[in-house]
Amino acid sequence: MAAAFAFFGQIIKNPNVLIRTEMGDLVVEIFADKAPATAANFMKYVDAGLYNGTMFFRTVTLENQKPEEVKLEVIQAAGADEEKEFPPIPLERTNTTGVHHLDGSLSMARGGPDTAASSFSICINDQPELDFGGKRNKDGQGFAAFGRVVSGMDVARNIQKAPHEGQMLTPPVKIIFMSRITD
């Protein structure tokens, strides 16, 4: 399941993570080989248990966006409590990493460039407007894609379809825990 890559002669595997939600399980592969800073940041939160008890709180569908917005489809998870967050990380742009926002891609949420901390999204269908040069964010820098769902995309789609008011899931979908899957 996890891809392997060489780093100074060592074979290193991309980590897989189990995301257990109250609606079911997802397994994601984290692209440490292509987006190392973003992957390391995400895994730091996973390994510290800081996603445990958080939630998917937002669903963005084609129907619940303002007419003038560039449309996209994602579900977004809340990050760690603000006082437990690590410092923001540099933006790894898709034109540098080659990791694009395809169906099932994981992407770090951000305000401006270099502001991502712990909140992340999962793409529902391909979302090229989130890539570098895309129009969803006015700065054109895009978002950092850093992994993909390898199992449980049906769970992600069901979360996107869950009851919501505007873009807020009602109620949010609890992330029971996340854990690194070891071979």
N, C-alpha and C. Protein backbone atom coordinates (compact mmCIF):
# COMPACT_ATOMS: atom_id res chain seq x y z
N MET A 1 0.83 -1.19 0.00
CA MET A 1 0.00 0.00 0.00
C MET A 1 0.87 1.25 0.00
N ALA A 2 1.83 1.36 0.90
CA ALA A 2 2.69 2.55 0.99
C ALA A 2 3.80 2.45 -0.05
N ALA A 3 4.07 3.54 -0.69
CA ALA A 3 5.16 3.60 -1.66
C ALA A 3 6.48 3.74 -0.91
N ALA A 4 7.56 3.27 -1.54
CA ALA A 4 8.89 3.39 -0.94
C ALA A 4 9.74 4.28 -1.83
N PHE A 5 10.69 4.99 -1.21
CA PHE A 5 11.61 5.81 -1.98
C PHE A 5 12.96 5.79 -1.28
N ALA A 6 14.00 6.14 -2.04
CA ALA A 6 15.36 6.12 -1.48
C ALA A 6 15.74 7.51 -1.00
N PHE A 7 16.39 7.57 0.15
CA PHE A 7 16.88 8.82 0.71
C PHE A 7 18.26 8.53 1.27
N PHE A 8 19.29 9.03 0.61
CA PHE A 8 20.67 8.76 1.00
C PHE A 8 20.92 7.26 1.19
N GLY A 9 20.42 6.49 0.23
CA GLY A 9 20.66 5.06 0.23
C GLY A 9 19.72 4.25 1.10
N GLN A 10 18.87 4.91 1.88
CA GLN A 10 17.91 4.18 2.71
C GLN A 10 16.58 4.10 1.98
N ILE A 11 15.90 2.97 2.13
CA ILE A 11 14.56 2.84 1.57
C ILE A 11 13.58 3.31 2.64
N ILE A 12 12.78 4.29 2.28
CA ILE A 12 11.81 4.87 3.21
C ILE A 12 10.42 4.70 2.59
N LYS A 13 9.46 4.29 3.39
CA LYS A 13 8.09 4.12 2.91
C LYS A 13 7.27 5.36 3.25
N ASN A 14 6.38 5.69 2.34
CA ASN A 14 5.38 6.71 2.66
C ASN A 14 4.48 6.12 3.73
N PRO A 15 4.24 6.87 4.81
CA PRO A 15 3.38 6.32 5.87
C PRO A 15 1.92 6.25 5.44
N ASN A 16 1.23 5.26 5.98
CA ASN A 16 -0.22 5.16 5.85
C ASN A 16 -0.82 5.48 7.21
N VAL A 17 -1.98 6.12 7.17
CA VAL A 17 -2.66 6.54 8.40
C VAL A 17 -4.10 6.06 8.35
N LEU A 18 -4.55 5.49 9.46
CA LEU A 18 -5.96 5.15 9.62
C LEU A 18 -6.66 6.35 10.23
N ILE A 19 -7.73 6.79 9.59
CA ILE A 19 -8.59 7.85 10.13
C ILE A 19 -9.91 7.18 10.48
N ARG A 20 -10.15 6.98 11.77
CA ARG A 20 -11.40 6.35 12.21
C ARG A 20 -12.38 7.46 12.56
N THR A 21 -13.50 7.50 11.84
CA THR A 21 -14.55 8.49 12.11
C THR A 21 -15.79 7.75 12.59
N GLU A 22 -16.73 8.51 13.10
CA GLU A 22 -17.97 7.88 13.53
C GLU A 22 -18.82 7.42 12.35
N MET A 23 -18.43 7.79 11.12
CA MET A 23 -19.13 7.31 9.92
C MET A 23 -18.37 6.20 9.20
N GLY A 24 -17.20 5.82 9.71
CA GLY A 24 -16.43 4.76 9.09
C GLY A 24 -14.96 5.13 8.99
N ASP A 25 -14.18 4.21 8.43
CA ASP A 25 -12.72 4.35 8.37
C ASP A 25 -12.24 4.78 6.99
N LEU A 26 -11.18 5.58 7.01
CA LEU A 26 -10.43 5.91 5.80
C LEU A 26 -8.98 5.52 6.05
N VAL A 27 -8.30 5.09 5.02
CA VAL A 27 -6.85 4.89 5.09
C VAL A 27 -6.25 5.83 4.06
N VAL A 28 -5.24 6.59 4.49
CA VAL A 28 -4.60 7.56 3.60
C VAL A 28 -3.11 7.27 3.52
N GLU A 29 -2.56 7.50 2.35
CA GLU A 29 -1.11 7.44 2.15
C GLU A 29 -0.60 8.87 2.16
N ILE A 30 0.46 9.11 2.93
CA ILE A 30 1.04 10.44 3.05
C ILE A 30 2.31 10.48 2.21
N PHE A 31 2.39 11.46 1.31
CA PHE A 31 3.48 11.52 0.33
C PHE A 31 4.73 12.20 0.89
N ALA A 32 5.40 11.51 1.78
CA ALA A 32 6.66 12.02 2.35
C ALA A 32 7.73 12.17 1.27
N ASP A 33 7.60 11.41 0.20
CA ASP A 33 8.59 11.47 -0.88
C ASP A 33 8.41 12.68 -1.78
N LYS A 34 7.19 13.23 -1.88
CA LYS A 34 6.93 14.33 -2.81
C LYS A 34 6.65 15.66 -2.12
N ALA A 35 6.07 15.61 -0.95
CA ALA A 35 5.75 16.83 -0.19
C ALA A 35 6.27 16.65 1.23
N PRO A 36 7.60 16.58 1.40
CA PRO A 36 8.18 16.17 2.69
C PRO A 36 7.84 17.09 3.87
N ALA A 37 7.83 18.38 3.68
CA ALA A 37 7.56 19.29 4.81
C ALA A 37 6.10 19.18 5.26
N THR A 38 5.19 19.14 4.30
CA THR A 38 3.76 19.03 4.64
C THR A 38 3.46 17.67 5.24
N ALA A 39 4.05 16.62 4.66
CA ALA A 39 3.85 15.26 5.19
C ALA A 39 4.38 15.16 6.62
N ALA A 40 5.57 15.69 6.85
CA ALA A 40 6.16 15.64 8.21
C ALA A 40 5.29 16.40 9.20
N ASN A 41 4.76 17.54 8.78
CA ASN A 41 3.88 18.32 9.64
C ASN A 41 2.64 17.52 10.01
N PHE A 42 1.97 16.94 9.02
CA PHE A 42 0.76 16.15 9.26
C PHE A 42 1.06 14.99 10.20
N MET A 43 2.16 14.27 9.93
CA MET A 43 2.50 13.11 10.75
C MET A 43 2.86 13.51 12.18
N LYS A 44 3.39 14.70 12.36
CA LYS A 44 3.70 15.19 13.71
C LYS A 44 2.39 15.29 14.53
N TYR A 45 1.33 15.79 13.89
CA TYR A 45 0.04 15.88 14.57
C TYR A 45 -0.55 14.49 14.81
N VAL A 46 -0.45 13.60 13.81
CA VAL A 46 -0.96 12.23 13.97
C VAL A 46 -0.25 11.55 15.13
N ASP A 47 1.09 11.55 15.10
CA ASP A 47 1.87 10.85 16.12
C ASP A 47 1.68 11.42 17.52
N ALA A 48 1.38 12.71 17.62
CA ALA A 48 1.13 13.33 18.93
C ALA A 48 -0.31 13.13 19.41
N GLY A 49 -1.16 12.52 18.57
CA GLY A 49 -2.56 12.29 18.94
C GLY A 49 -3.41 13.54 18.92
N LEU A 50 -2.95 14.59 18.23
CA LEU A 50 -3.66 15.87 18.27
C LEU A 50 -4.87 15.94 17.34
N TYR A 51 -5.05 14.95 16.46
CA TYR A 51 -6.28 14.89 15.66
C TYR A 51 -7.36 14.06 16.36
N ASN A 52 -6.99 13.29 17.37
CA ASN A 52 -7.96 12.45 18.07
C ASN A 52 -9.01 13.34 18.72
N GLY A 53 -10.28 13.03 18.45
CA GLY A 53 -11.37 13.81 19.02
C GLY A 53 -11.71 15.07 18.25
N THR A 54 -10.99 15.35 17.15
CA THR A 54 -11.36 16.50 16.33
C THR A 54 -12.52 16.08 15.42
N MET A 55 -12.77 16.82 14.36
CA MET A 55 -13.94 16.50 13.55
C MET A 55 -13.81 17.02 12.13
N PHE A 56 -14.56 16.39 11.25
CA PHE A 56 -14.85 16.98 9.94
C PHE A 56 -16.01 17.93 10.21
N PHE A 57 -15.79 19.21 9.97
CA PHE A 57 -16.80 20.21 10.32
C PHE A 57 -17.40 20.90 9.10
N ARG A 58 -16.77 20.74 7.94
CA ARG A 58 -17.18 21.51 6.77
C ARG A 58 -17.34 20.61 5.56
N THR A 59 -18.39 20.84 4.81
CA THR A 59 -18.60 20.18 3.52
C THR A 59 -18.83 21.26 2.47
N VAL A 60 -18.06 21.20 1.41
CA VAL A 60 -18.23 22.16 0.32
C VAL A 60 -18.73 21.35 -0.87
N THR A 61 -19.93 21.72 -1.33
CA THR A 61 -20.56 21.05 -2.46
C THR A 61 -20.77 22.07 -3.57
N LEU A 62 -21.13 21.60 -4.73
CA LEU A 62 -21.39 22.53 -5.84
C LEU A 62 -22.58 23.43 -5.53
N GLU A 63 -23.48 22.97 -4.67
CA GLU A 63 -24.70 23.72 -4.38
C GLU A 63 -24.57 24.73 -3.24
N ASN A 64 -23.59 24.60 -2.35
CA ASN A 64 -23.58 25.46 -1.16
C ASN A 64 -22.50 26.55 -1.19
N GLN A 65 -22.11 26.96 -2.38
CA GLN A 65 -21.13 28.04 -2.52
C GLN A 65 -21.80 29.26 -3.14
N LYS A 66 -21.19 30.40 -2.93
CA LYS A 66 -21.70 31.64 -3.52
C LYS A 66 -21.58 31.54 -5.03
N PRO A 67 -22.53 32.12 -5.76
CA PRO A 67 -22.50 32.02 -7.23
C PRO A 67 -21.20 32.55 -7.86
N GLU A 68 -20.58 33.54 -7.25
CA GLU A 68 -19.37 34.13 -7.84
C GLU A 68 -18.10 33.36 -7.50
N GLU A 69 -18.18 32.39 -6.60
CA GLU A 69 -16.99 31.63 -6.20
C GLU A 69 -16.60 30.62 -7.27
N VAL A 70 -15.30 30.36 -7.35
CA VAL A 70 -14.81 29.26 -8.16
C VAL A 70 -15.19 27.99 -7.40
N LYS A 71 -15.93 27.12 -8.04
CA LYS A 71 -16.52 25.96 -7.36
C LYS A 71 -15.48 24.89 -7.06
N LEU A 72 -15.68 24.23 -5.92
CA LEU A 72 -14.89 23.07 -5.56
C LEU A 72 -15.72 22.15 -4.69
N GLU A 73 -15.20 20.95 -4.45
CA GLU A 73 -15.86 19.97 -3.60
C GLU A 73 -14.81 19.36 -2.68
N VAL A 74 -14.97 19.61 -1.37
CA VAL A 74 -14.06 19.07 -0.36
C VAL A 74 -14.83 18.85 0.93
N ILE A 75 -14.22 18.05 1.81
CA ILE A 75 -14.63 18.02 3.21
C ILE A 75 -13.41 18.50 3.99
N GLN A 76 -13.66 19.25 5.05
CA GLN A 76 -12.55 19.82 5.81
C GLN A 76 -12.61 19.38 7.25
N ALA A 77 -11.43 19.01 7.76
CA ALA A 77 -11.30 18.60 9.16
C ALA A 77 -10.70 19.73 9.97
N ALA A 78 -11.20 19.85 11.19
CA ALA A 78 -10.62 20.82 12.12
C ALA A 78 -9.25 20.33 12.52
N GLY A 79 -8.39 21.26 12.84
CA GLY A 79 -7.06 20.89 13.30
C GLY A 79 -7.01 20.77 14.81
N ALA A 80 -5.82 20.75 15.32
CA ALA A 80 -5.60 20.67 16.76
C ALA A 80 -6.08 21.95 17.43
N ASP A 81 -6.32 21.87 18.74
CA ASP A 81 -6.64 23.08 19.49
C ASP A 81 -5.54 24.11 19.25
N GLU A 82 -5.93 25.36 19.11
CA GLU A 82 -4.98 26.42 18.76
C GLU A 82 -3.76 26.46 19.67
N GLU A 83 -3.96 26.26 20.97
CA GLU A 83 -2.83 26.33 21.90
C GLU A 83 -1.89 25.13 21.76
N LYS A 84 -2.32 24.07 21.07
CA LYS A 84 -1.48 22.89 20.86
C LYS A 84 -0.86 22.84 19.46
N GLU A 85 -1.21 23.81 18.61
CA GLU A 85 -0.69 23.78 17.24
C GLU A 85 0.80 24.07 17.21
N PHE A 86 1.45 23.42 16.26
CA PHE A 86 2.85 23.69 15.99
C PHE A 86 2.92 24.93 15.09
N PRO A 87 4.09 25.53 14.94
CA PRO A 87 4.20 26.71 14.06
C PRO A 87 3.78 26.39 12.63
N PRO A 88 3.24 27.37 11.92
CA PRO A 88 2.85 27.16 10.52
C PRO A 88 4.06 26.74 9.67
N ILE A 89 3.75 26.08 8.56
CA ILE A 89 4.80 25.55 7.69
C ILE A 89 4.83 26.28 6.35
N PRO A 90 5.98 26.24 5.67
CA PRO A 90 6.04 26.82 4.32
C PRO A 90 5.12 26.07 3.36
N LEU A 91 4.55 26.79 2.43
CA LEU A 91 3.65 26.22 1.44
C LEU A 91 4.44 25.43 0.39
N GLU A 92 4.17 24.14 0.27
CA GLU A 92 4.76 23.32 -0.79
C GLU A 92 3.78 23.35 -1.97
N ARG A 93 4.09 24.15 -2.95
CA ARG A 93 3.19 24.39 -4.08
C ARG A 93 3.16 23.19 -5.02
N THR A 94 2.02 22.98 -5.64
CA THR A 94 1.85 21.83 -6.53
C THR A 94 2.75 21.89 -7.76
N ASN A 95 3.15 23.09 -8.18
CA ASN A 95 4.05 23.18 -9.33
C ASN A 95 5.47 22.73 -8.96
N THR A 96 5.76 22.63 -7.68
CA THR A 96 7.05 22.14 -7.21
C THR A 96 6.99 20.65 -6.87
N THR A 97 5.93 20.23 -6.18
CA THR A 97 5.84 18.84 -5.72
C THR A 97 5.34 17.89 -6.80
N GLY A 98 4.54 18.40 -7.74
CA GLY A 98 3.93 17.53 -8.73
C GLY A 98 2.72 16.77 -8.19
N VAL A 99 2.32 17.03 -6.94
CA VAL A 99 1.15 16.38 -6.34
C VAL A 99 -0.03 17.32 -6.55
N HIS A 100 -1.00 16.86 -7.31
CA HIS A 100 -2.15 17.71 -7.65
C HIS A 100 -3.39 17.30 -6.86
N HIS A 101 -4.36 18.16 -6.90
CA HIS A 101 -5.60 17.97 -6.16
C HIS A 101 -6.57 17.12 -6.98
N LEU A 102 -6.39 15.81 -6.88
CA LEU A 102 -7.23 14.85 -7.58
C LEU A 102 -8.25 14.27 -6.61
N ASP A 103 -9.18 13.48 -7.12
CA ASP A 103 -10.18 12.84 -6.27
C ASP A 103 -9.48 12.06 -5.16
N GLY A 104 -9.80 12.38 -3.91
CA GLY A 104 -9.21 11.70 -2.76
C GLY A 104 -7.93 12.31 -2.23
N SER A 105 -7.45 13.39 -2.85
CA SER A 105 -6.21 14.03 -2.36
C SER A 105 -6.44 14.70 -1.01
N LEU A 106 -5.41 14.65 -0.17
CA LEU A 106 -5.39 15.41 1.08
C LEU A 106 -4.67 16.72 0.81
N SER A 107 -5.15 17.79 1.41
CA SER A 107 -4.60 19.12 1.18
C SER A 107 -4.64 19.91 2.49
N MET A 108 -3.58 20.66 2.76
CA MET A 108 -3.56 21.49 3.96
C MET A 108 -4.39 22.76 3.74
N ALA A 109 -5.23 23.08 4.70
CA ALA A 109 -5.98 24.33 4.66
C ALA A 109 -5.03 25.47 5.03
N ARG A 110 -5.30 26.65 4.51
CA ARG A 110 -4.45 27.80 4.82
C ARG A 110 -5.22 29.08 4.56
N GLY A 111 -4.73 30.17 5.16
CA GLY A 111 -5.21 31.50 4.82
C GLY A 111 -4.30 32.03 3.73
N GLY A 112 -3.17 32.57 4.13
CA GLY A 112 -2.17 33.04 3.17
C GLY A 112 -1.09 31.99 2.99
N PRO A 113 -0.15 32.25 2.07
CA PRO A 113 0.99 31.33 1.93
C PRO A 113 1.74 31.23 3.26
N ASP A 114 2.26 30.07 3.53
CA ASP A 114 3.07 29.81 4.73
C ASP A 114 2.29 29.97 6.04
N THR A 115 0.98 29.68 6.01
CA THR A 115 0.16 29.78 7.22
C THR A 115 -0.48 28.45 7.62
N ALA A 116 -0.28 27.38 6.85
CA ALA A 116 -0.92 26.10 7.17
C ALA A 116 -0.36 25.55 8.48
N ALA A 117 -1.26 24.98 9.26
CA ALA A 117 -0.84 24.37 10.53
C ALA A 117 -1.38 22.93 10.58
N SER A 118 -2.67 22.75 10.96
CA SER A 118 -3.15 21.39 11.15
C SER A 118 -4.45 21.06 10.44
N SER A 119 -5.26 22.02 10.08
CA SER A 119 -6.52 21.73 9.40
C SER A 119 -6.24 21.24 7.98
N PHE A 120 -7.00 20.24 7.54
CA PHE A 120 -6.79 19.68 6.21
C PHE A 120 -8.12 19.35 5.55
N SER A 121 -8.07 19.16 4.25
CA SER A 121 -9.25 18.82 3.45
C SER A 121 -8.99 17.54 2.67
N ILE A 122 -10.08 16.90 2.27
CA ILE A 122 -10.04 15.78 1.33
C ILE A 122 -10.85 16.19 0.11
N CYS A 123 -10.24 16.09 -1.05
CA CYS A 123 -10.92 16.45 -2.30
C CYS A 123 -11.95 15.40 -2.68
N ILE A 124 -13.11 15.86 -3.06
CA ILE A 124 -14.15 15.02 -3.64
C ILE A 124 -14.15 15.37 -5.13
N ASN A 125 -13.74 14.44 -5.95
CA ASN A 125 -13.50 14.66 -7.38
C ASN A 125 -12.24 15.51 -7.58
N ASP A 126 -11.79 15.64 -8.81
CA ASP A 126 -10.59 16.42 -9.10
C ASP A 126 -10.87 17.90 -8.85
N GLN A 127 -9.90 18.60 -8.25
CA GLN A 127 -10.06 20.01 -7.89
C GLN A 127 -8.86 20.83 -8.37
N PRO A 128 -8.68 21.00 -9.70
CA PRO A 128 -7.52 21.71 -10.22
C PRO A 128 -7.44 23.18 -9.78
N GLU A 129 -8.54 23.78 -9.38
CA GLU A 129 -8.52 25.18 -8.94
C GLU A 129 -7.82 25.34 -7.60
N LEU A 130 -7.49 24.22 -6.92
CA LEU A 130 -6.72 24.28 -5.68
C LEU A 130 -5.22 24.17 -5.94
N ASP A 131 -4.83 23.84 -7.17
CA ASP A 131 -3.42 23.74 -7.53
C ASP A 131 -2.81 25.13 -7.73
N PHE A 132 -1.48 25.18 -7.80
CA PHE A 132 -0.77 26.42 -8.11
C PHE A 132 -1.35 27.00 -9.40
N GLY A 133 -1.66 28.29 -9.40
CA GLY A 133 -2.26 28.94 -10.55
C GLY A 133 -3.77 28.83 -10.59
N GLY A 134 -4.35 28.03 -9.69
CA GLY A 134 -5.80 27.89 -9.63
C GLY A 134 -6.44 29.17 -9.12
N LYS A 135 -7.72 29.28 -9.38
CA LYS A 135 -8.43 30.53 -9.08
C LYS A 135 -9.20 30.51 -7.77
N ARG A 136 -9.17 29.41 -7.02
CA ARG A 136 -9.96 29.38 -5.78
C ARG A 136 -9.40 30.36 -4.75
N ASN A 137 -8.09 30.52 -4.69
CA ASN A 137 -7.49 31.49 -3.78
C ASN A 137 -6.91 32.62 -4.62
N LYS A 138 -7.24 33.83 -4.28
CA LYS A 138 -6.86 34.98 -5.10
C LYS A 138 -5.35 35.15 -5.30
N ASP A 139 -4.54 34.61 -4.37
CA ASP A 139 -3.09 34.77 -4.51
C ASP A 139 -2.50 33.82 -5.57
N GLY A 140 -3.29 32.85 -6.06
CA GLY A 140 -2.84 31.95 -7.12
C GLY A 140 -1.78 30.95 -6.70
N GLN A 141 -1.45 30.90 -5.41
CA GLN A 141 -0.39 30.00 -4.95
C GLN A 141 -0.88 28.57 -4.72
N GLY A 142 -2.18 28.41 -4.68
CA GLY A 142 -2.74 27.09 -4.47
C GLY A 142 -2.57 26.60 -3.05
N PHE A 143 -2.81 25.32 -2.87
CA PHE A 143 -2.73 24.67 -1.57
C PHE A 143 -1.75 23.51 -1.68
N ALA A 144 -1.27 23.01 -0.56
CA ALA A 144 -0.31 21.90 -0.55
C ALA A 144 -1.03 20.57 -0.49
N ALA A 145 -1.05 19.84 -1.62
CA ALA A 145 -1.56 18.47 -1.63
C ALA A 145 -0.43 17.58 -1.13
N PHE A 146 -0.76 16.62 -0.24
CA PHE A 146 0.32 15.86 0.40
C PHE A 146 -0.01 14.39 0.63
N GLY A 147 -1.11 13.91 0.11
CA GLY A 147 -1.47 12.51 0.31
C GLY A 147 -2.72 12.18 -0.46
N ARG A 148 -3.20 10.93 -0.27
CA ARG A 148 -4.41 10.50 -0.96
C ARG A 148 -5.10 9.41 -0.16
N VAL A 149 -6.40 9.34 -0.33
CA VAL A 149 -7.19 8.27 0.27
C VAL A 149 -6.93 7.00 -0.55
N VAL A 150 -6.52 5.93 0.12
CA VAL A 150 -6.31 4.66 -0.57
C VAL A 150 -7.43 3.67 -0.26
N SER A 151 -8.22 3.95 0.76
CA SER A 151 -9.35 3.11 1.10
C SER A 151 -10.33 3.95 1.91
N GLY A 152 -11.62 3.81 1.61
CA GLY A 152 -12.64 4.52 2.36
C GLY A 152 -13.15 5.78 1.69
N MET A 153 -12.93 5.91 0.39
CA MET A 153 -13.44 7.11 -0.28
C MET A 153 -14.96 7.19 -0.19
N ASP A 154 -15.63 6.04 -0.06
CA ASP A 154 -17.08 6.04 0.14
C ASP A 154 -17.44 6.76 1.44
N VAL A 155 -16.61 6.61 2.47
CA VAL A 155 -16.84 7.31 3.74
C VAL A 155 -16.71 8.81 3.53
N ALA A 156 -15.67 9.25 2.81
CA ALA A 156 -15.48 10.68 2.53
C ALA A 156 -16.69 11.24 1.78
N ARG A 157 -17.17 10.51 0.78
CA ARG A 157 -18.34 10.97 0.02
C ARG A 157 -19.59 11.03 0.90
N ASN A 158 -19.74 10.07 1.82
CA ASN A 158 -20.88 10.11 2.73
C ASN A 158 -20.79 11.28 3.70
N ILE A 159 -19.59 11.61 4.15
CA ILE A 159 -19.42 12.79 5.00
C ILE A 159 -19.82 14.04 4.23
N GLN A 160 -19.41 14.12 2.96
CA GLN A 160 -19.77 15.30 2.16
C GLN A 160 -21.29 15.44 2.03
N LYS A 161 -22.01 14.32 1.98
CA LYS A 161 -23.46 14.34 1.81
C LYS A 161 -24.23 14.43 3.12
N ALA A 162 -23.52 14.43 4.24
CA ALA A 162 -24.18 14.46 5.56
C ALA A 162 -24.96 15.77 5.74
N PRO A 163 -25.91 15.79 6.67
CA PRO A 163 -26.69 17.02 6.90
C PRO A 163 -25.77 18.21 7.20
N HIS A 164 -26.15 19.35 6.63
CA HIS A 164 -25.35 20.56 6.82
C HIS A 164 -26.23 21.79 6.66
N GLU A 165 -25.76 22.88 7.28
CA GLU A 165 -26.38 24.20 7.09
C GLU A 165 -25.31 25.06 6.46
N GLY A 166 -25.55 25.54 5.25
CA GLY A 166 -24.50 26.21 4.51
C GLY A 166 -23.39 25.19 4.28
N GLN A 167 -22.19 25.51 4.71
CA GLN A 167 -21.07 24.58 4.56
C GLN A 167 -20.71 23.87 5.87
N MET A 168 -21.44 24.13 6.94
CA MET A 168 -21.14 23.54 8.24
C MET A 168 -21.94 22.25 8.43
N LEU A 169 -21.24 21.15 8.69
CA LEU A 169 -21.90 19.88 8.95
C LEU A 169 -22.68 19.99 10.26
N THR A 170 -23.92 19.47 10.26
CA THR A 170 -24.77 19.54 11.45
C THR A 170 -25.31 18.15 11.77
N PRO A 171 -24.75 17.45 12.69
CA PRO A 171 -23.59 17.83 13.50
C PRO A 171 -22.29 17.51 12.76
N PRO A 172 -21.16 18.04 13.25
CA PRO A 172 -19.87 17.66 12.68
C PRO A 172 -19.66 16.15 12.84
N VAL A 173 -18.80 15.60 11.99
CA VAL A 173 -18.49 14.17 12.05
C VAL A 173 -17.21 13.98 12.84
N LYS A 174 -17.31 13.30 13.97
CA LYS A 174 -16.18 13.14 14.87
C LYS A 174 -15.10 12.23 14.28
N ILE A 175 -13.85 12.67 14.42
CA ILE A 175 -12.70 11.82 14.16
C ILE A 175 -12.36 11.18 15.49
N ILE A 176 -12.60 9.90 15.60
CA ILE A 176 -12.37 9.20 16.86
C ILE A 176 -10.87 9.16 17.16
N PHE A 177 -10.10 8.73 16.16
CA PHE A 177 -8.64 8.77 16.28
C PHE A 177 -8.01 8.64 14.92
N MET A 178 -6.74 9.00 14.87
CA MET A 178 -5.88 8.75 13.71
C MET A 178 -4.66 8.05 14.24
N SER A 179 -4.19 7.07 13.47
CA SER A 179 -2.97 6.40 13.88
C SER A 179 -2.19 5.91 12.67
N ARG A 180 -0.90 5.91 12.82
CA ARG A 180 0.02 5.41 11.81
C ARG A 180 -0.22 3.90 11.69
N ILE A 181 -0.28 3.42 10.46
CA ILE A 181 -0.41 1.98 10.22
C ILE A 181 1.00 1.45 9.96
N THR A 182 1.39 0.46 10.73
CA THR A 182 2.71 -0.12 10.56
C THR A 182 2.60 -1.44 9.84
N ASP A 183 3.65 -1.76 9.09
CA ASP A 183 3.67 -3.04 8.34
C ASP A 183 3.99 -4.19 9.27
